[in-house]
Amino acid sequence: MSNSPDSVFCQPFVCQDCGSEIGFRSRRRTLLERYILPLFLLKPVRCGECFRRDYRLIFTRVHERWAETARIVPMKHSTPPNRHVA
């Protein structure tokens, strides 16, 4: 067991449904989640295996959100000057 002061407050994530230890920070959706939950030191988290969404203490160790897929913006395809397209 570590003697660091952080280990006293940081608890590992364990899913209550499947028992997985892989958890990710979830996006805050509602006004309640944005403004009220932080007053109670809670944050939304999601299990990495069963995808159950839950609220945990801010001291619970979870991974940052998965990198969002790059938003692919379609490029404007210009037609070559020598090509006539109807």
Protein backbone atom coordinates (compact mmCIF):
# COMPACT_ATOMS: atom_id res chain seq x y z
CA MET A 1 0.00 0.00 0.00
CA SER A 2 1.25 3.44 -0.91
CA ASN A 3 1.84 6.03 1.79
CA SER A 4 1.17 9.00 -0.49
CA PRO A 5 -1.46 11.47 0.71
CA ASP A 6 -3.34 11.03 -2.57
CA SER A 7 -4.05 7.35 -1.85
CA VAL A 8 -6.18 8.30 1.15
CA PHE A 9 -8.71 10.18 -1.00
CA CYS A 10 -8.41 8.44 -4.39
CA GLN A 11 -10.48 5.29 -4.62
CA PRO A 12 -10.20 2.91 -7.56
CA PHE A 13 -13.22 2.62 -9.85
CA VAL A 14 -15.20 -0.62 -9.66
CA CYS A 15 -18.41 -0.96 -11.67
CA GLN A 16 -21.40 -1.97 -9.54
CA ASP A 17 -22.92 -3.92 -12.45
CA CYS A 18 -20.10 -5.97 -13.97
CA GLY A 19 -17.23 -5.45 -11.50
CA SER A 20 -14.91 -3.95 -14.12
CA GLU A 21 -12.12 -1.68 -12.94
CA ILE A 22 -12.08 0.37 -16.16
CA GLY A 23 -14.03 3.60 -15.84
CA PHE A 24 -14.11 6.78 -17.88
CA ARG A 25 -15.21 10.31 -17.13
CA SER A 26 -18.58 10.91 -18.74
CA ARG A 27 -19.84 14.13 -20.28
CA ARG A 28 -22.09 16.23 -18.07
CA ARG A 29 -25.52 16.34 -19.70
CA THR A 30 -27.99 18.33 -17.61
CA LEU A 31 -27.98 21.42 -15.43
CA LEU A 32 -28.16 19.12 -12.42
CA GLU A 33 -24.96 17.38 -13.49
CA ARG A 34 -23.20 20.64 -14.29
CA TYR A 35 -24.05 22.69 -11.21
CA ILE A 36 -25.62 20.59 -8.45
CA LEU A 37 -23.52 17.39 -8.47
CA PRO A 38 -20.21 19.26 -7.95
CA LEU A 39 -21.66 20.71 -4.75
CA PHE A 40 -21.96 17.14 -3.48
CA LEU A 41 -18.47 16.26 -4.84
CA LEU A 42 -19.93 13.91 -7.46
CA LYS A 43 -19.11 13.44 -11.15
CA PRO A 44 -20.63 11.29 -13.91
CA VAL A 45 -18.58 8.23 -14.89
CA ARG A 46 -19.13 5.40 -17.37
CA CYS A 47 -17.95 1.80 -17.19
CA GLY A 48 -15.56 0.89 -19.99
CA GLU A 49 -16.98 -2.62 -20.41
CA CYS A 50 -20.74 -2.57 -19.81
CA PHE A 51 -21.15 1.20 -20.46
CA ARG A 52 -23.27 1.71 -17.34
CA ARG A 53 -23.40 5.38 -16.39
CA ASP A 54 -23.20 6.31 -12.71
CA TYR A 55 -22.20 9.12 -10.35
CA ARG A 56 -19.08 8.77 -8.21
CA LEU A 57 -17.09 10.93 -5.84
CA ILE A 58 -14.67 13.28 -7.55
CA PHE A 59 -11.88 11.42 -5.74
CA THR A 60 -12.57 8.19 -7.67
CA ARG A 61 -9.79 7.46 -10.15
CA VAL A 62 -11.11 7.10 -13.70
CA HIS A 63 -9.58 7.56 -17.13
CA GLU A 64 -10.18 10.67 -19.17
CA ARG A 65 -12.80 10.44 -21.90
CA TRP A 66 -11.92 8.41 -24.95
CA ALA A 67 -10.53 10.62 -27.66
CA GLU A 68 -13.44 11.75 -29.70
CA THR A 69 -13.23 10.72 -33.28
CA ALA A 70 -11.95 13.47 -35.48
CA ARG A 71 -14.81 15.31 -37.02
CA ILE A 72 -14.45 14.75 -40.70
CA VAL A 73 -15.48 17.84 -42.57
CA PRO A 74 -16.09 17.13 -46.22
CA MET A 75 -13.76 19.16 -48.37
CA LYS A 76 -15.16 21.14 -51.22
CA HIS A 77 -14.21 19.23 -54.31
CA SER A 78 -13.70 21.60 -57.14
CA THR A 79 -13.94 20.22 -60.62
CA PRO A 80 -10.81 20.45 -62.71
CA PRO A 81 -10.91 23.37 -65.17
CA ASN A 82 -10.78 21.10 -68.24
CA ARG A 83 -13.67 18.88 -67.16
CA HIS A 84 -17.26 19.79 -67.95
CA VAL A 85 -19.80 18.40 -65.54
CA ALA A 86 -23.53 18.88 -65.98
